Amino acid sequence: MGLIQLSDELWVQELDLGIFEVRGSLILGEERAVVWDSLSHPRDMALYLPLIADREVTVVYSHADWDHIWGTAGLVQRPGTIVSHTWCAHRFRTDVPVTLAQMQASEPGKWDEVQLVPPNLMIEQTCTLDLGGLTLELHHLPGHTDDCLIALLPETGFALMGDTIETPFPVVPADSDLSAWVAQLRRWEHDTALTRVVPCHGPLGGRELISQTIDYLERLQNGDSFDLPAEMSTFYRQTHESNLRWREGRAN
């Protein structure tokens, strides 16, 4: 779908994967560049290379789902540091290679270039990266998955929210702790330092995107009715049905 410049420091790349769309980001400091999610295939990194130029490259995985982590091998200047939550590194030893093998078997040739590049700097709660004239703050925000991170650029007001928020609603796995997820989102919902919110799926916006996700999650948790879009893709119709099974599982 293409590369979009949001500011002097921040570019986003949007891809249509057929079943859904996904967005990754490139953050450019004076000395270092950060790839926030390397997307689904090594070729997805090609548009970033001229922008990175001779900067040192760090990759940050928002979490270990396949559409966020499979492009790292496409960075010609291999990153010295790949940052993730500790549980993301665990997933590289468990479900990540299984998912790759399954997709390579189901779609021969399509994913042959993918090489798994695991994280080598793991965090538990928070971490700050100095990019040279620009700061990147990483914060653990479990919910969609246990390994989810979000990233803040305090000098510019941008928040990269990964899959912790999504429009029209996020994917809620069966083991999600919605109370903890909502509590963490509320922390950022009222933070006036955040002026632009960049999720990995769905439209860009402001903190109202956080509020919309909170509203959906609370309705799911409380057994309330939903105000859903009249038209939704097959993916989101199936996702909502799956999310309702989370509610049913808690009721039984």
C-alpha atoms as a PDB file:
ATOM      1  CA  MET A   1       0.000   0.000   0.000  1.00  0.00           C
ATOM      2  CA  GLY A   2       2.967   2.297   0.408  1.00  0.00           C
ATOM      3  CA  LEU A   3       5.188   4.442   2.597  1.00  0.00           C
ATOM      4  CA  ILE A   4       3.784   7.538   4.331  1.00  0.00           C
ATOM      5  CA  GLN A   5       5.712  10.284   6.119  1.00  0.00           C
ATOM      6  CA  LEU A   6       4.031  11.451   9.326  1.00  0.00           C
ATOM      7  CA  SER A   7       6.814  13.779  10.511  1.00  0.00           C
ATOM      8  CA  ASP A   8      10.500  14.462   9.961  1.00  0.00           C
ATOM      9  CA  GLU A   9      11.265  11.553  12.273  1.00  0.00           C
ATOM     10  CA  LEU A  10       8.482   9.068  11.594  1.00  0.00           C
ATOM     11  CA  TRP A  11       7.472   7.099   8.511  1.00  0.00           C
ATOM     12  CA  VAL A  12       4.883   4.326   8.343  1.00  0.00           C
ATOM     13  CA  GLN A  13       4.533   1.525   5.836  1.00  0.00           C
ATOM     14  CA  GLU A  14       1.086   0.074   5.203  1.00  0.00           C
ATOM     15  CA  LEU A  15       0.590  -3.349   3.636  1.00  0.00           C
ATOM     16  CA  ASP A  16      -2.476  -5.211   2.442  1.00  0.00           C
ATOM     17  CA  LEU A  17      -1.966  -8.874   3.316  1.00  0.00           C
ATOM     18  CA  GLY A  18      -5.263  -9.920   1.787  1.00  0.00           C
ATOM     19  CA  ILE A  19      -6.976 -11.038   4.976  1.00  0.00           C
ATOM     20  CA  PHE A  20      -6.161  -7.761   6.750  1.00  0.00           C
ATOM     21  CA  GLU A  21      -3.919  -4.700   6.562  1.00  0.00           C
ATOM     22  CA  VAL A  22      -0.903  -4.068   8.773  1.00  0.00           C
ATOM     23  CA  ARG A  23       1.318  -1.096   9.503  1.00  0.00           C
ATOM     24  CA  GLY A  24       4.963  -0.875  10.564  1.00  0.00           C
ATOM     25  CA  SER A  25       7.021   2.213  11.351  1.00  0.00           C
ATOM     26  CA  LEU A  26      10.497   3.635  10.802  1.00  0.00           C
ATOM     27  CA  ILE A  27      11.822   6.143  13.339  1.00  0.00           C
ATOM     28  CA  LEU A  28      14.814   8.253  12.354  1.00  0.00           C
ATOM     29  CA  GLY A  29      17.071   9.844  14.937  1.00  0.00           C
ATOM     30  CA  GLU A  30      20.211  11.745  14.098  1.00  0.00           C
ATOM     31  CA  GLU A  31      22.406   8.736  14.832  1.00  0.00           C
ATOM     32  CA  ARG A  32      20.131   5.705  14.954  1.00  0.00           C
ATOM     33  CA  ALA A  33      17.092   4.343  13.179  1.00  0.00           C
ATOM     34  CA  VAL A  34      14.487   2.088  14.739  1.00  0.00           C
ATOM     35  CA  VAL A  35      12.333  -0.303  12.737  1.00  0.00           C
ATOM     36  CA  TRP A  36       9.141  -0.776  14.754  1.00  0.00           C
ATOM     37  CA  ASP A  37       7.968  -4.176  13.510  1.00  0.00           C
ATOM     38  CA  SER A  38       9.608  -5.555  10.382  1.00  0.00           C
ATOM     39  CA  LEU A  39       6.265  -6.667   8.925  1.00  0.00           C
ATOM     40  CA  SER A  40       5.680  -9.972   7.159  1.00  0.00           C
ATOM     41  CA  HIS A  41       8.416 -10.481   4.560  1.00  0.00           C
ATOM     42  CA  PRO A  42      12.064  -9.435   3.966  1.00  0.00           C
ATOM     43  CA  ARG A  43      11.029  -7.469   0.869  1.00  0.00           C
ATOM     44  CA  ASP A  44       8.952  -5.198   3.109  1.00  0.00           C
ATOM     45  CA  MET A  45      12.169  -3.559   4.333  1.00  0.00           C
ATOM     46  CA  ALA A  46      13.298  -2.376   0.875  1.00  0.00           C
ATOM     47  CA  LEU A  47      11.537   1.003   1.094  1.00  0.00           C
ATOM     48  CA  TYR A  48      13.242   1.755   4.402  1.00  0.00           C
ATOM     49  CA  LEU A  49      16.821   1.250   3.243  1.00  0.00           C
ATOM     50  CA  PRO A  50      17.373   4.633   1.495  1.00  0.00           C
ATOM     51  CA  LEU A  51      15.888   6.445   4.501  1.00  0.00           C
ATOM     52  CA  ILE A  52      18.050   4.568   7.003  1.00  0.00           C
ATOM     53  CA  ALA A  53      21.215   5.465   5.034  1.00  0.00           C
ATOM     54  CA  ASP A  54      24.267   5.009   7.288  1.00  0.00           C
ATOM     55  CA  ARG A  55      22.444   5.118  10.615  1.00  0.00           C
ATOM     56  CA  GLU A  56      22.845   2.331  13.142  1.00  0.00           C
ATOM     57  CA  VAL A  57      19.706   0.158  13.035  1.00  0.00           C
ATOM     58  CA  THR A  58      17.692  -1.233  15.936  1.00  0.00           C
ATOM     59  CA  VAL A  59      14.582  -3.366  15.496  1.00  0.00           C
ATOM     60  CA  VAL A  60      11.780  -3.429  18.047  1.00  0.00           C
ATOM     61  CA  TYR A  61       9.150  -6.154  17.935  1.00  0.00           C
ATOM     62  CA  SER A  62       5.799  -4.989  19.303  1.00  0.00           C
ATOM     63  CA  HIS A  63       4.989  -8.697  19.770  1.00  0.00           C
ATOM     64  CA  ALA A  64       5.759 -11.991  18.058  1.00  0.00           C
ATOM     65  CA  ASP A  65       2.803 -12.428  15.702  1.00  0.00           C
ATOM     66  CA  TRP A  66       3.948 -13.323  12.181  1.00  0.00           C
ATOM     67  CA  ASP A  67       2.833 -10.138  10.410  1.00  0.00           C
ATOM     68  CA  HIS A  68       5.105  -8.070  12.666  1.00  0.00           C
ATOM     69  CA  ILE A  69       8.417  -9.962  12.720  1.00  0.00           C
ATOM     70  CA  TRP A  70       9.216 -11.783   9.479  1.00  0.00           C
ATOM     71  CA  GLY A  71      10.875  -8.967   7.532  1.00  0.00           C
ATOM     72  CA  THR A  72      14.013  -8.440   9.616  1.00  0.00           C
ATOM     73  CA  ALA A  73      16.281 -10.447   7.299  1.00  0.00           C
ATOM     74  CA  GLY A  74      15.570  -7.850   4.598  1.00  0.00           C
ATOM     75  CA  LEU A  75      17.625  -5.205   6.394  1.00  0.00           C
ATOM     76  CA  VAL A  76      20.931  -5.115   4.489  1.00  0.00           C
ATOM     77  CA  GLN A  77      22.616  -3.503   7.463  1.00  0.00           C
ATOM     78  CA  ARG A  78      21.734  -6.220   9.962  1.00  0.00           C
ATOM     79  CA  PRO A  79      20.573  -4.699  13.238  1.00  0.00           C
ATOM     80  CA  GLY A  80      22.938  -5.123  16.143  1.00  0.00           C
ATOM     81  CA  THR A  81      20.095  -4.840  18.630  1.00  0.00           C
ATOM     82  CA  ILE A  82      16.640  -6.382  18.386  1.00  0.00           C
ATOM     83  CA  VAL A  83      14.439  -5.433  21.305  1.00  0.00           C
ATOM     84  CA  SER A  84      11.341  -7.200  22.579  1.00  0.00           C
ATOM     85  CA  HIS A  85       9.564  -8.207  25.726  1.00  0.00           C
ATOM     86  CA  THR A  86      10.979 -11.319  27.404  1.00  0.00           C
ATOM     87  CA  TRP A  87       7.926 -13.374  26.459  1.00  0.00           C
ATOM     88  CA  CYS A  88       8.427 -12.493  22.791  1.00  0.00           C
ATOM     89  CA  ALA A  89      11.821 -14.214  22.914  1.00  0.00           C
ATOM     90  CA  HIS A  90      10.122 -17.264  24.422  1.00  0.00           C
ATOM     91  CA  ARG A  91       7.667 -17.306  21.519  1.00  0.00           C
ATOM     92  CA  PHE A  92      10.580 -17.400  19.048  1.00  0.00           C
ATOM     93  CA  ARG A  93      11.447 -20.749  20.624  1.00  0.00           C
ATOM     94  CA  THR A  94       7.872 -22.052  20.604  1.00  0.00           C
ATOM     95  CA  ASP A  95       4.978 -20.885  18.399  1.00  0.00           C
ATOM     96  CA  VAL A  96       6.862 -18.594  15.958  1.00  0.00           C
ATOM     97  CA  PRO A  97       8.777 -21.340  14.074  1.00  0.00           C
ATOM     98  CA  VAL A  98       5.668 -23.535  14.093  1.00  0.00           C
ATOM     99  CA  THR A  99       3.619 -20.789  12.424  1.00  0.00           C
ATOM    100  CA  LEU A 100       6.318 -20.225   9.788  1.00  0.00           C
ATOM    101  CA  ALA A 101       6.530 -23.934   8.980  1.00  0.00           C
ATOM    102  CA  GLN A 102       2.756 -24.168   8.654  1.00  0.00           C
ATOM    103  CA  MET A 103       2.520 -21.187   6.319  1.00  0.00           C
ATOM    104  CA  GLN A 104       5.471 -22.357   4.219  1.00  0.00           C
ATOM    105  CA  ALA A 105       3.741 -25.717   3.827  1.00  0.00           C
ATOM    106  CA  SER A 106       0.362 -24.213   2.954  1.00  0.00           C
ATOM    107  CA  GLU A 107       1.730 -21.623   0.486  1.00  0.00           C
ATOM    108  CA  PRO A 108       4.851 -23.142  -1.143  1.00  0.00           C
ATOM    109  CA  GLY A 109       7.377 -20.563  -2.306  1.00  0.00           C
ATOM    110  CA  LYS A 110       5.671 -17.537  -0.797  1.00  0.00           C
ATOM    111  CA  TRP A 111       7.585 -17.470   2.491  1.00  0.00           C
ATOM    112  CA  ASP A 112      10.857 -19.163   1.497  1.00  0.00           C
ATOM    113  CA  GLU A 113      12.894 -15.975   1.998  1.00  0.00           C
ATOM    114  CA  VAL A 114      11.749 -15.521   5.580  1.00  0.00           C
ATOM    115  CA  GLN A 115      14.515 -16.080   8.122  1.00  0.00           C
ATOM    116  CA  LEU A 116      13.587 -15.820  11.768  1.00  0.00           C
ATOM    117  CA  VAL A 117      15.743 -13.248  13.569  1.00  0.00           C
ATOM    118  CA  PRO A 118      15.077 -13.472  17.310  1.00  0.00           C
ATOM    119  CA  PRO A 119      15.442 -10.599  19.776  1.00  0.00           C
ATOM    120  CA  ASN A 120      18.696 -10.194  21.673  1.00  0.00           C
ATOM    121  CA  LEU A 121      17.706  -7.471  24.156  1.00  0.00           C
ATOM    122  CA  MET A 122      14.702  -8.368  26.260  1.00  0.00           C
ATOM    123  CA  ILE A 123      12.830  -6.071  28.634  1.00  0.00           C
ATOM    124  CA  GLU A 124      10.268  -6.724  31.349  1.00  0.00           C
ATOM    125  CA  GLN A 125       8.518  -3.386  31.816  1.00  0.00           C
ATOM    126  CA  THR A 126      10.153  -0.275  30.339  1.00  0.00           C
ATOM    127  CA  CYS A 127      13.187   0.748  28.312  1.00  0.00           C
ATOM    128  CA  THR A 128      14.415   4.037  26.822  1.00  0.00           C
ATOM    129  CA  LEU A 129      16.437   4.252  23.606  1.00  0.00           C
ATOM    130  CA  ASP A 130      18.466   7.324  22.662  1.00  0.00           C
ATOM    131  CA  LEU A 131      18.351   7.734  18.883  1.00  0.00           C
ATOM    132  CA  GLY A 132      20.316  10.976  18.795  1.00  0.00           C
ATOM    133  CA  GLY A 133      18.114  14.043  19.257  1.00  0.00           C
ATOM    134  CA  LEU A 134      15.116  11.761  19.727  1.00  0.00           C
ATOM    135  CA  THR A 135      13.970   9.464  22.515  1.00  0.00           C
ATOM    136  CA  LEU A 136      11.991   6.239  22.165  1.00  0.00           C
ATOM    137  CA  GLU A 137      10.275   4.894  25.265  1.00  0.00           C
ATOM    138  CA  LEU A 138       9.099   1.269  25.318  1.00  0.00           C
ATOM    139  CA  HIS A 139       6.413   0.052  27.722  1.00  0.00           C
ATOM    140  CA  HIS A 140       4.968  -3.405  28.313  1.00  0.00           C
ATOM    141  CA  LEU A 141       1.198  -3.489  27.754  1.00  0.00           C
ATOM    142  CA  PRO A 142      -0.088  -7.090  27.809  1.00  0.00           C
ATOM    143  CA  GLY A 143      -3.578  -7.973  26.642  1.00  0.00           C
ATOM    144  CA  HIS A 144      -3.731  -8.823  22.962  1.00  0.00           C
ATOM    145  CA  THR A 145      -0.746 -11.054  23.737  1.00  0.00           C
ATOM    146  CA  ASP A 146       1.418 -11.318  26.832  1.00  0.00           C
ATOM    147  CA  ASP A 147       4.458  -9.928  24.986  1.00  0.00           C
ATOM    148  CA  CYS A 148       2.921  -6.684  23.661  1.00  0.00           C
ATOM    149  CA  LEU A 149       4.929  -3.466  23.793  1.00  0.00           C
ATOM    150  CA  ILE A 150       3.968   0.093  22.924  1.00  0.00           C
ATOM    151  CA  ALA A 151       6.417   2.852  21.949  1.00  0.00           C
ATOM    152  CA  LEU A 152       6.292   6.575  22.724  1.00  0.00           C
ATOM    153  CA  LEU A 153       8.153   9.470  21.123  1.00  0.00           C
ATOM    154  CA  PRO A 154       7.864  12.064  23.911  1.00  0.00           C
ATOM    155  CA  GLU A 155       9.418  14.896  21.902  1.00  0.00           C
ATOM    156  CA  THR A 156       6.780  14.601  19.176  1.00  0.00           C
ATOM    157  CA  GLY A 157       3.698  13.203  20.944  1.00  0.00           C
ATOM    158  CA  PHE A 158       3.455  10.063  18.812  1.00  0.00           C
ATOM    159  CA  ALA A 159       2.430   6.756  20.376  1.00  0.00           C
ATOM    160  CA  LEU A 160       2.985   3.502  18.459  1.00  0.00           C
ATOM    161  CA  MET A 161       0.409   1.188  20.005  1.00  0.00           C
ATOM    162  CA  GLY A 162       1.086  -2.095  18.202  1.00  0.00           C
ATOM    163  CA  ASP A 163      -1.939  -4.396  18.459  1.00  0.00           C
ATOM    164  CA  THR A 164      -2.984  -3.171  21.918  1.00  0.00           C
ATOM    165  CA  ILE A 165      -5.645  -1.026  20.225  1.00  0.00           C
ATOM    166  CA  GLU A 166      -7.390  -1.575  16.925  1.00  0.00           C
ATOM    167  CA  THR A 167     -10.341  -0.315  14.901  1.00  0.00           C
ATOM    168  CA  PRO A 168     -13.039  -1.585  14.855  1.00  0.00           C
ATOM    169  CA  PHE A 169     -11.767  -3.850  17.668  1.00  0.00           C
ATOM    170  CA  PRO A 170      -8.727  -5.961  18.590  1.00  0.00           C
ATOM    171  CA  VAL A 171      -8.237  -9.699  18.591  1.00  0.00           C
ATOM    172  CA  VAL A 172      -8.896 -11.072  22.085  1.00  0.00           C
ATOM    173  CA  PRO A 173      -7.222 -14.453  22.695  1.00  0.00           C
ATOM    174  CA  ALA A 174      -8.885 -16.894  25.061  1.00  0.00           C
ATOM    175  CA  ASP A 175      -6.345 -16.263  27.832  1.00  0.00           C
ATOM    176  CA  SER A 176      -6.487 -12.443  27.716  1.00  0.00           C
ATOM    177  CA  ASP A 177      -6.795 -10.579  31.036  1.00  0.00           C
ATOM    178  CA  LEU A 178      -9.198  -7.837  29.974  1.00  0.00           C
ATOM    179  CA  SER A 179      -9.169  -6.069  33.337  1.00  0.00           C
ATOM    180  CA  ALA A 180      -5.401  -5.599  33.231  1.00  0.00           C
ATOM    181  CA  TRP A 181      -5.508  -4.682  29.522  1.00  0.00           C
ATOM    182  CA  VAL A 182      -8.108  -1.968  30.092  1.00  0.00           C
ATOM    183  CA  ALA A 183      -6.331  -0.644  33.179  1.00  0.00           C
ATOM    184  CA  GLN A 184      -3.112  -0.187  31.214  1.00  0.00           C
ATOM    185  CA  LEU A 185      -4.911   1.478  28.306  1.00  0.00           C
ATOM    186  CA  ARG A 186      -6.590   3.949  30.678  1.00  0.00           C
ATOM    187  CA  ARG A 187      -3.155   5.145  31.743  1.00  0.00           C
ATOM    188  CA  TRP A 188      -2.483   6.317  28.190  1.00  0.00           C
ATOM    189  CA  GLU A 189      -6.049   7.379  27.367  1.00  0.00           C
ATOM    190  CA  HIS A 190      -5.687  10.377  29.688  1.00  0.00           C
ATOM    191  CA  ASP A 191      -2.046  11.223  28.963  1.00  0.00           C
ATOM    192  CA  THR A 192      -2.189  14.611  27.226  1.00  0.00           C
ATOM    193  CA  ALA A 193       1.407  14.195  26.066  1.00  0.00           C
ATOM    194  CA  LEU A 194       0.071  11.759  23.446  1.00  0.00           C
ATOM    195  CA  THR A 195      -1.276  13.694  20.486  1.00  0.00           C
ATOM    196  CA  ARG A 196      -1.010  11.164  17.621  1.00  0.00           C
ATOM    197  CA  VAL A 197      -1.780   7.478  17.962  1.00  0.00           C
ATOM    198  CA  VAL A 198      -0.421   4.952  15.441  1.00  0.00           C
ATOM    199  CA  PRO A 199      -1.818   1.406  15.742  1.00  0.00           C
ATOM    200  CA  CYS A 200      -0.550  -1.467  13.619  1.00  0.00           C
ATOM    201  CA  HIS A 201      -4.061  -2.108  12.290  1.00  0.00           C
ATOM    202  CA  GLY A 202      -6.777   0.423  11.536  1.00  0.00           C
ATOM    203  CA  PRO A 203      -6.805   4.192  11.001  1.00  0.00           C
ATOM    204  CA  LEU A 204      -4.458   6.697  12.595  1.00  0.00           C
ATOM    205  CA  GLY A 205      -5.885   9.195  15.049  1.00  0.00           C
ATOM    206  CA  GLY A 206      -5.661  10.574  18.545  1.00  0.00           C
ATOM    207  CA  ARG A 207      -6.355   9.211  22.004  1.00  0.00           C
ATOM    208  CA  GLU A 208      -9.968   8.578  20.971  1.00  0.00           C
ATOM    209  CA  LEU A 209      -8.682   5.373  19.358  1.00  0.00           C
ATOM    210  CA  ILE A 210      -7.599   4.181  22.790  1.00  0.00           C
ATOM    211  CA  SER A 211     -11.029   5.074  24.177  1.00  0.00           C
ATOM    212  CA  GLN A 212     -12.771   3.118  21.420  1.00  0.00           C
ATOM    213  CA  THR A 213     -10.790  -0.020  22.209  1.00  0.00           C
ATOM    214  CA  ILE A 214     -11.477   0.376  25.924  1.00  0.00           C
ATOM    215  CA  ASP A 215     -15.195   0.688  25.204  1.00  0.00           C
ATOM    216  CA  TYR A 216     -15.235  -2.513  23.145  1.00  0.00           C
ATOM    217  CA  LEU A 217     -13.223  -4.481  25.705  1.00  0.00           C
ATOM    218  CA  GLU A 218     -15.423  -3.338  28.576  1.00  0.00           C
ATOM    219  CA  ARG A 219     -18.585  -4.250  26.661  1.00  0.00           C
ATOM    220  CA  LEU A 220     -17.107  -7.658  25.945  1.00  0.00           C
ATOM    221  CA  GLN A 221     -16.179  -8.141  29.585  1.00  0.00           C
ATOM    222  CA  ASN A 222     -19.479  -6.878  31.010  1.00  0.00           C
ATOM    223  CA  GLY A 223     -21.774  -8.716  28.621  1.00  0.00           C
ATOM    224  CA  ASP A 224     -23.103  -5.492  27.095  1.00  0.00           C
ATOM    225  CA  SER A 225     -24.324  -5.003  23.521  1.00  0.00           C
ATOM    226  CA  PHE A 226     -22.021  -3.636  20.823  1.00  0.00           C
ATOM    227  CA  ASP A 227     -22.280  -0.709  18.432  1.00  0.00           C
ATOM    228  CA  LEU A 228     -20.476  -2.344  15.507  1.00  0.00           C
ATOM    229  CA  PRO A 229     -19.940  -1.003  11.986  1.00  0.00           C
ATOM    230  CA  ALA A 230     -22.663  -1.961   9.527  1.00  0.00           C
ATOM    231  CA  GLU A 231     -20.052  -3.331   7.143  1.00  0.00           C
ATOM    232  CA  MET A 232     -17.031  -5.327   8.272  1.00  0.00           C
ATOM    233  CA  SER A 233     -14.515  -7.493   6.471  1.00  0.00           C
ATOM    234  CA  THR A 234     -14.663 -11.252   6.826  1.00  0.00           C
ATOM    235  CA  PHE A 235     -11.636 -11.071   9.106  1.00  0.00           C
ATOM    236  CA  TYR A 236     -13.326  -8.731  11.584  1.00  0.00           C
ATOM    237  CA  ARG A 237     -16.648 -10.580  11.496  1.00  0.00           C
ATOM    238  CA  GLN A 238     -14.794 -13.755  12.409  1.00  0.00           C
ATOM    239  CA  THR A 239     -12.711 -11.908  14.989  1.00  0.00           C
ATOM    240  CA  HIS A 240     -15.804 -10.585  16.757  1.00  0.00           C
ATOM    241  CA  GLU A 241     -17.309 -14.081  16.808  1.00  0.00           C
ATOM    242  CA  SER A 242     -14.072 -15.397  18.285  1.00  0.00           C
ATOM    243  CA  ASN A 243     -14.018 -12.574  20.853  1.00  0.00           C
ATOM    244  CA  LEU A 244     -17.534 -13.498  21.943  1.00  0.00           C
ATOM    245  CA  ARG A 245     -16.237 -16.979  22.692  1.00  0.00           C
ATOM    246  CA  TRP A 246     -13.868 -15.319  25.212  1.00  0.00           C
ATOM    247  CA  ARG A 247     -17.002 -14.073  26.973  1.00  0.00           C
ATOM    248  CA  GLU A 248     -18.643 -17.490  26.776  1.00  0.00           C
ATOM    249  CA  GLY A 249     -15.513 -19.104  28.180  1.00  0.00           C
ATOM    250  CA  ARG A 250     -15.577 -16.794  31.186  1.00  0.00           C
ATOM    251  CA  ALA A 251     -19.271 -17.502  31.772  1.00  0.00           C
ATOM    252  CA  ASN A 252     -18.784 -21.296  31.885  1.00  0.00           C
END
